[in-house]
Amino acid sequence: MNDSVMIVDADGQTRGTMEKMAAHRTGTMHRAFSVFIFNSKGQLLLQQRALDKYHSGGLWTNTCCSHPRLGESTPNAAHRRLQEEMGMDCELTELFQFSYRHEFENGLIENEYDHVFMGISDDLPVPNEAEVAGIRYMDTDLLLFDLIEQPDKYTPWFKICLEQVLEIYYQNCLK
């Protein structure tokens, strides 16, 4: 599949397009999104990335993530990908954006301007086995402890933005 990504500048403004794997080989900054789904108990739905993903296979991360398609809004892309990866959908709120760059051992580079979304749902996920090796709901206190004890089990972007997601979640959802 010859997917393209939206190339962006440091402010998130679209500057063009590039084939997805070319962007990851060259480390060109592109638009991405990350979705965090909590249940009504305050547990975060995590996914373990499929073992054969082009990077980070087998690592635990947020509920789903990807790149918007050309001509697709980022919120619509987040809903689409939540359905494709986890077989579920719910209302999503964009929380913030952040940029990060990470070089992987296989030579690929993530250089993303990431839009972070959050939702609340008690629907049971139906994971796509081609995308997801495993799922689990995790209490956030246990998750934060596990991130300290076993950071290599989690994706780089997840470790970067989780605390800010939890701060917003606690401020808005646990009133």
C-alpha atoms as a PDB file:
ATOM      1  CA  MET A   1       0.000   0.000   0.000  1.00  0.00           C
ATOM      2  CA  ASN A   2       1.434   3.363  -1.036  1.00  0.00           C
ATOM      3  CA  ASP A   3       0.085   5.563   1.765  1.00  0.00           C
ATOM      4  CA  SER A   4       0.975   9.233   1.816  1.00  0.00           C
ATOM      5  CA  VAL A   5       1.303  11.466   4.853  1.00  0.00           C
ATOM      6  CA  MET A   6       0.897  15.202   5.238  1.00  0.00           C
ATOM      7  CA  ILE A   7       4.234  16.932   5.676  1.00  0.00           C
ATOM      8  CA  VAL A   8       4.006  19.746   8.234  1.00  0.00           C
ATOM      9  CA  ASP A   9       6.205  22.474   9.668  1.00  0.00           C
ATOM     10  CA  ALA A  10       6.982  22.952  13.367  1.00  0.00           C
ATOM     11  CA  ASP A  11       3.654  24.808  13.793  1.00  0.00           C
ATOM     12  CA  GLY A  12       1.631  21.954  12.277  1.00  0.00           C
ATOM     13  CA  GLN A  13       0.927  23.763   9.006  1.00  0.00           C
ATOM     14  CA  THR A  14       0.678  21.432   6.011  1.00  0.00           C
ATOM     15  CA  ARG A  15       3.546  21.942   3.559  1.00  0.00           C
ATOM     16  CA  GLY A  16       3.017  19.037   1.177  1.00  0.00           C
ATOM     17  CA  THR A  17       2.771  15.269   1.050  1.00  0.00           C
ATOM     18  CA  MET A  18       5.175  12.349   0.971  1.00  0.00           C
ATOM     19  CA  GLU A  19       4.916   8.585   0.734  1.00  0.00           C
ATOM     20  CA  LYS A  20       4.616   7.288   4.322  1.00  0.00           C
ATOM     21  CA  MET A  21       7.647   5.008   4.397  1.00  0.00           C
ATOM     22  CA  ALA A  22       9.786   7.670   2.686  1.00  0.00           C
ATOM     23  CA  ALA A  23       8.828  10.097   5.465  1.00  0.00           C
ATOM     24  CA  HIS A  24       9.838   7.504   8.065  1.00  0.00           C
ATOM     25  CA  ARG A  25      13.128   6.743   6.296  1.00  0.00           C
ATOM     26  CA  THR A  26      14.097  10.422   5.973  1.00  0.00           C
ATOM     27  CA  GLY A  27      12.666  11.636   9.288  1.00  0.00           C
ATOM     28  CA  THR A  28      10.470  14.263   7.621  1.00  0.00           C
ATOM     29  CA  MET A  29       7.962  15.830  10.038  1.00  0.00           C
ATOM     30  CA  HIS A  30       4.399  14.734   9.295  1.00  0.00           C
ATOM     31  CA  ARG A  31       0.936  14.855  10.861  1.00  0.00           C
ATOM     32  CA  ALA A  32      -0.172  12.018  13.133  1.00  0.00           C
ATOM     33  CA  PHE A  33      -2.719  11.419  15.875  1.00  0.00           C
ATOM     34  CA  SER A  34      -2.981   9.383  19.066  1.00  0.00           C
ATOM     35  CA  VAL A  35      -6.261   8.290  20.686  1.00  0.00           C
ATOM     36  CA  PHE A  36      -6.665   7.523  24.408  1.00  0.00           C
ATOM     37  CA  ILE A  37      -9.906   5.784  25.479  1.00  0.00           C
ATOM     38  CA  PHE A  38     -10.799   5.509  29.154  1.00  0.00           C
ATOM     39  CA  ASN A  39     -13.661   3.450  30.575  1.00  0.00           C
ATOM     40  CA  SER A  40     -16.058   4.701  33.259  1.00  0.00           C
ATOM     41  CA  LYS A  41     -13.779   3.178  35.939  1.00  0.00           C
ATOM     42  CA  GLY A  42     -10.956   5.487  34.828  1.00  0.00           C
ATOM     43  CA  GLN A  43      -8.904   2.695  33.275  1.00  0.00           C
ATOM     44  CA  LEU A  44      -7.020   3.375  30.063  1.00  0.00           C
ATOM     45  CA  LEU A  45      -7.482   0.994  27.130  1.00  0.00           C
ATOM     46  CA  LEU A  46      -4.013   0.017  25.915  1.00  0.00           C
ATOM     47  CA  GLN A  47      -3.070  -1.871  22.803  1.00  0.00           C
ATOM     48  CA  GLN A  48      -0.050  -3.993  22.138  1.00  0.00           C
ATOM     49  CA  ARG A  49       1.089  -3.250  18.599  1.00  0.00           C
ATOM     50  CA  ALA A  50       1.113  -6.185  16.190  1.00  0.00           C
ATOM     51  CA  LEU A  51       4.482  -7.913  16.147  1.00  0.00           C
ATOM     52  CA  ASP A  52       5.055  -7.244  12.437  1.00  0.00           C
ATOM     53  CA  LYS A  53       4.444  -3.463  12.493  1.00  0.00           C
ATOM     54  CA  TYR A  54       7.117  -1.465  10.653  1.00  0.00           C
ATOM     55  CA  HIS A  55       8.350  -0.183  14.028  1.00  0.00           C
ATOM     56  CA  SER A  56       7.515  -0.716  17.701  1.00  0.00           C
ATOM     57  CA  GLY A  57       6.023  -4.160  17.086  1.00  0.00           C
ATOM     58  CA  GLY A  58       4.958  -5.828  20.340  1.00  0.00           C
ATOM     59  CA  LEU A  59       5.167  -2.632  22.401  1.00  0.00           C
ATOM     60  CA  TRP A  60       2.262  -1.336  24.478  1.00  0.00           C
ATOM     61  CA  THR A  61       0.782   2.039  23.631  1.00  0.00           C
ATOM     62  CA  ASN A  62      -2.341   4.199  23.673  1.00  0.00           C
ATOM     63  CA  THR A  63      -5.632   2.883  22.308  1.00  0.00           C
ATOM     64  CA  CYS A  64      -4.801   3.651  18.666  1.00  0.00           C
ATOM     65  CA  CYS A  65      -2.720   5.948  16.496  1.00  0.00           C
ATOM     66  CA  SER A  66      -2.031   6.624  12.852  1.00  0.00           C
ATOM     67  CA  HIS A  67      -1.861   9.351  10.200  1.00  0.00           C
ATOM     68  CA  PRO A  68      -4.738  11.188   8.516  1.00  0.00           C
ATOM     69  CA  ARG A  69      -5.274  10.368   4.858  1.00  0.00           C
ATOM     70  CA  LEU A  70      -4.922  13.071   2.252  1.00  0.00           C
ATOM     71  CA  GLY A  71      -8.011  15.282   2.340  1.00  0.00           C
ATOM     72  CA  GLU A  72      -9.205  13.763   5.643  1.00  0.00           C
ATOM     73  CA  SER A  73      -9.556  15.900   8.759  1.00  0.00           C
ATOM     74  CA  THR A  74      -7.574  14.728  11.766  1.00  0.00           C
ATOM     75  CA  PRO A  75     -10.707  14.218  13.940  1.00  0.00           C
ATOM     76  CA  ASN A  76     -12.327  12.115  11.194  1.00  0.00           C
ATOM     77  CA  ALA A  77      -9.109  10.116  10.848  1.00  0.00           C
ATOM     78  CA  ALA A  78      -9.049   9.451  14.597  1.00  0.00           C
ATOM     79  CA  HIS A  79     -12.610   8.063  14.476  1.00  0.00           C
ATOM     80  CA  ARG A  80     -11.835   5.989  11.376  1.00  0.00           C
ATOM     81  CA  ARG A  81      -8.717   4.477  12.867  1.00  0.00           C
ATOM     82  CA  LEU A  82     -10.379   3.745  16.224  1.00  0.00           C
ATOM     83  CA  GLN A  83     -12.947   1.721  14.288  1.00  0.00           C
ATOM     84  CA  GLU A  84     -10.324   0.018  12.085  1.00  0.00           C
ATOM     85  CA  GLU A  85      -7.924  -0.930  14.890  1.00  0.00           C
ATOM     86  CA  MET A  86     -10.247  -1.475  17.844  1.00  0.00           C
ATOM     87  CA  GLY A  87     -13.688  -2.037  16.314  1.00  0.00           C
ATOM     88  CA  MET A  88     -15.243   0.735  18.389  1.00  0.00           C
ATOM     89  CA  ASP A  89     -16.115   4.409  18.250  1.00  0.00           C
ATOM     90  CA  CYS A  90     -17.088   7.111  20.723  1.00  0.00           C
ATOM     91  CA  GLU A  91     -17.071  10.859  21.083  1.00  0.00           C
ATOM     92  CA  LEU A  92     -13.500  12.177  20.911  1.00  0.00           C
ATOM     93  CA  THR A  93     -12.089  15.475  22.171  1.00  0.00           C
ATOM     94  CA  GLU A  94      -8.788  16.857  20.944  1.00  0.00           C
ATOM     95  CA  LEU A  95      -6.679  17.636  24.008  1.00  0.00           C
ATOM     96  CA  PHE A  96      -3.422  19.063  22.638  1.00  0.00           C
ATOM     97  CA  GLN A  97      -0.694  18.653  20.023  1.00  0.00           C
ATOM     98  CA  PHE A  98       2.983  17.907  20.506  1.00  0.00           C
ATOM     99  CA  SER A  99       5.991  17.157  18.337  1.00  0.00           C
ATOM    100  CA  TYR A 100       8.524  14.430  18.849  1.00  0.00           C
ATOM    101  CA  ARG A 101      11.346  12.729  17.002  1.00  0.00           C
ATOM    102  CA  HIS A 102      12.579   9.205  17.663  1.00  0.00           C
ATOM    103  CA  GLU A 103      15.079   7.055  15.787  1.00  0.00           C
ATOM    104  CA  PHE A 104      14.407   3.308  15.823  1.00  0.00           C
ATOM    105  CA  GLU A 105      16.964   0.498  15.688  1.00  0.00           C
ATOM    106  CA  ASN A 106      15.693  -0.521  12.233  1.00  0.00           C
ATOM    107  CA  GLY A 107      16.720   2.870  10.794  1.00  0.00           C
ATOM    108  CA  LEU A 108      13.221   4.371  10.632  1.00  0.00           C
ATOM    109  CA  ILE A 109      12.573   7.767  12.181  1.00  0.00           C
ATOM    110  CA  GLU A 110       9.339   9.068  13.674  1.00  0.00           C
ATOM    111  CA  ASN A 111       9.195  12.852  13.372  1.00  0.00           C
ATOM    112  CA  GLU A 112       5.590  13.650  14.066  1.00  0.00           C
ATOM    113  CA  TYR A 113       3.310  16.541  14.840  1.00  0.00           C
ATOM    114  CA  ASP A 114       0.851  14.510  16.918  1.00  0.00           C
ATOM    115  CA  HIS A 115      -2.764  15.482  17.683  1.00  0.00           C
ATOM    116  CA  VAL A 116      -3.898  13.812  20.916  1.00  0.00           C
ATOM    117  CA  PHE A 117      -7.555  12.804  21.358  1.00  0.00           C
ATOM    118  CA  MET A 118      -9.422  11.372  24.341  1.00  0.00           C
ATOM    119  CA  GLY A 119     -12.726   9.559  24.692  1.00  0.00           C
ATOM    120  CA  ILE A 120     -14.727   7.694  27.317  1.00  0.00           C
ATOM    121  CA  SER A 121     -16.393   4.397  26.454  1.00  0.00           C
ATOM    122  CA  ASP A 122     -17.445   1.168  28.104  1.00  0.00           C
ATOM    123  CA  ASP A 123     -17.890  -0.535  24.727  1.00  0.00           C
ATOM    124  CA  LEU A 124     -15.819  -3.669  24.420  1.00  0.00           C
ATOM    125  CA  PRO A 125     -13.156  -3.391  21.740  1.00  0.00           C
ATOM    126  CA  VAL A 126     -12.963  -5.863  18.871  1.00  0.00           C
ATOM    127  CA  PRO A 127      -9.295  -5.537  17.894  1.00  0.00           C
ATOM    128  CA  ASN A 128      -8.074  -5.997  14.344  1.00  0.00           C
ATOM    129  CA  GLU A 129      -5.532  -8.825  14.622  1.00  0.00           C
ATOM    130  CA  ALA A 130      -3.477  -7.403  11.741  1.00  0.00           C
ATOM    131  CA  GLU A 131      -2.905  -4.232  13.794  1.00  0.00           C
ATOM    132  CA  VAL A 132      -3.192  -5.288  17.426  1.00  0.00           C
ATOM    133  CA  ALA A 133      -1.451  -8.169  19.238  1.00  0.00           C
ATOM    134  CA  GLY A 134      -3.249  -7.609  22.551  1.00  0.00           C
ATOM    135  CA  ILE A 135      -5.377  -5.238  24.595  1.00  0.00           C
ATOM    136  CA  ARG A 136      -5.848  -4.470  28.259  1.00  0.00           C
ATOM    137  CA  TYR A 137      -7.507  -1.915  30.474  1.00  0.00           C
ATOM    138  CA  MET A 138      -5.077  -0.586  33.050  1.00  0.00           C
ATOM    139  CA  ASP A 139      -5.498   1.507  36.171  1.00  0.00           C
ATOM    140  CA  THR A 140      -3.502   4.682  35.655  1.00  0.00           C
ATOM    141  CA  ASP A 141      -1.560   4.411  38.933  1.00  0.00           C
ATOM    142  CA  LEU A 142      -0.390   0.921  37.993  1.00  0.00           C
ATOM    143  CA  LEU A 143       0.417   2.108  34.472  1.00  0.00           C
ATOM    144  CA  LEU A 144       2.601   4.969  35.740  1.00  0.00           C
ATOM    145  CA  PHE A 145       4.438   2.545  38.034  1.00  0.00           C
ATOM    146  CA  ASP A 146       4.929   0.078  35.190  1.00  0.00           C
ATOM    147  CA  LEU A 147       6.317   2.841  32.953  1.00  0.00           C
ATOM    148  CA  ILE A 148       8.995   3.502  35.583  1.00  0.00           C
ATOM    149  CA  GLU A 149       9.768  -0.181  36.146  1.00  0.00           C
ATOM    150  CA  GLN A 150       9.584  -1.364  32.520  1.00  0.00           C
ATOM    151  CA  PRO A 151       9.834   1.620  30.144  1.00  0.00           C
ATOM    152  CA  ASP A 152      11.064  -0.538  27.244  1.00  0.00           C
ATOM    153  CA  LYS A 153       7.628  -2.202  27.027  1.00  0.00           C
ATOM    154  CA  TYR A 154       6.022   1.064  25.805  1.00  0.00           C
ATOM    155  CA  THR A 155       6.211   3.177  22.647  1.00  0.00           C
ATOM    156  CA  PRO A 156       8.230   6.414  22.699  1.00  0.00           C
ATOM    157  CA  TRP A 157       5.303   8.742  21.897  1.00  0.00           C
ATOM    158  CA  PHE A 158       3.161   7.145  24.604  1.00  0.00           C
ATOM    159  CA  LYS A 159       5.825   7.803  27.243  1.00  0.00           C
ATOM    160  CA  ILE A 160       6.146  11.419  26.080  1.00  0.00           C
ATOM    161  CA  CYS A 161       2.471  12.432  26.210  1.00  0.00           C
ATOM    162  CA  LEU A 162       0.844  10.153  28.821  1.00  0.00           C
ATOM    163  CA  GLU A 163       1.356  12.437  31.822  1.00  0.00           C
ATOM    164  CA  GLN A 164      -0.218  15.403  30.033  1.00  0.00           C
ATOM    165  CA  VAL A 165      -3.183  13.234  28.957  1.00  0.00           C
ATOM    166  CA  LEU A 166      -3.678  12.035  32.530  1.00  0.00           C
ATOM    167  CA  GLU A 167      -3.425  15.565  33.917  1.00  0.00           C
ATOM    168  CA  ILE A 168      -6.198  16.738  31.584  1.00  0.00           C
ATOM    169  CA  TYR A 169      -8.244  13.604  32.256  1.00  0.00           C
ATOM    170  CA  TYR A 170      -8.050  14.069  36.038  1.00  0.00           C
ATOM    171  CA  GLN A 171      -8.928  17.770  35.756  1.00  0.00           C
ATOM    172  CA  ASN A 172     -11.950  17.229  33.527  1.00  0.00           C
ATOM    173  CA  CYS A 173     -13.338  13.759  34.146  1.00  0.00           C
ATOM    174  CA  LEU A 174     -12.897  13.131  37.849  1.00  0.00           C
ATOM    175  CA  LYS A 175     -14.637  16.238  39.173  1.00  0.00           C
END
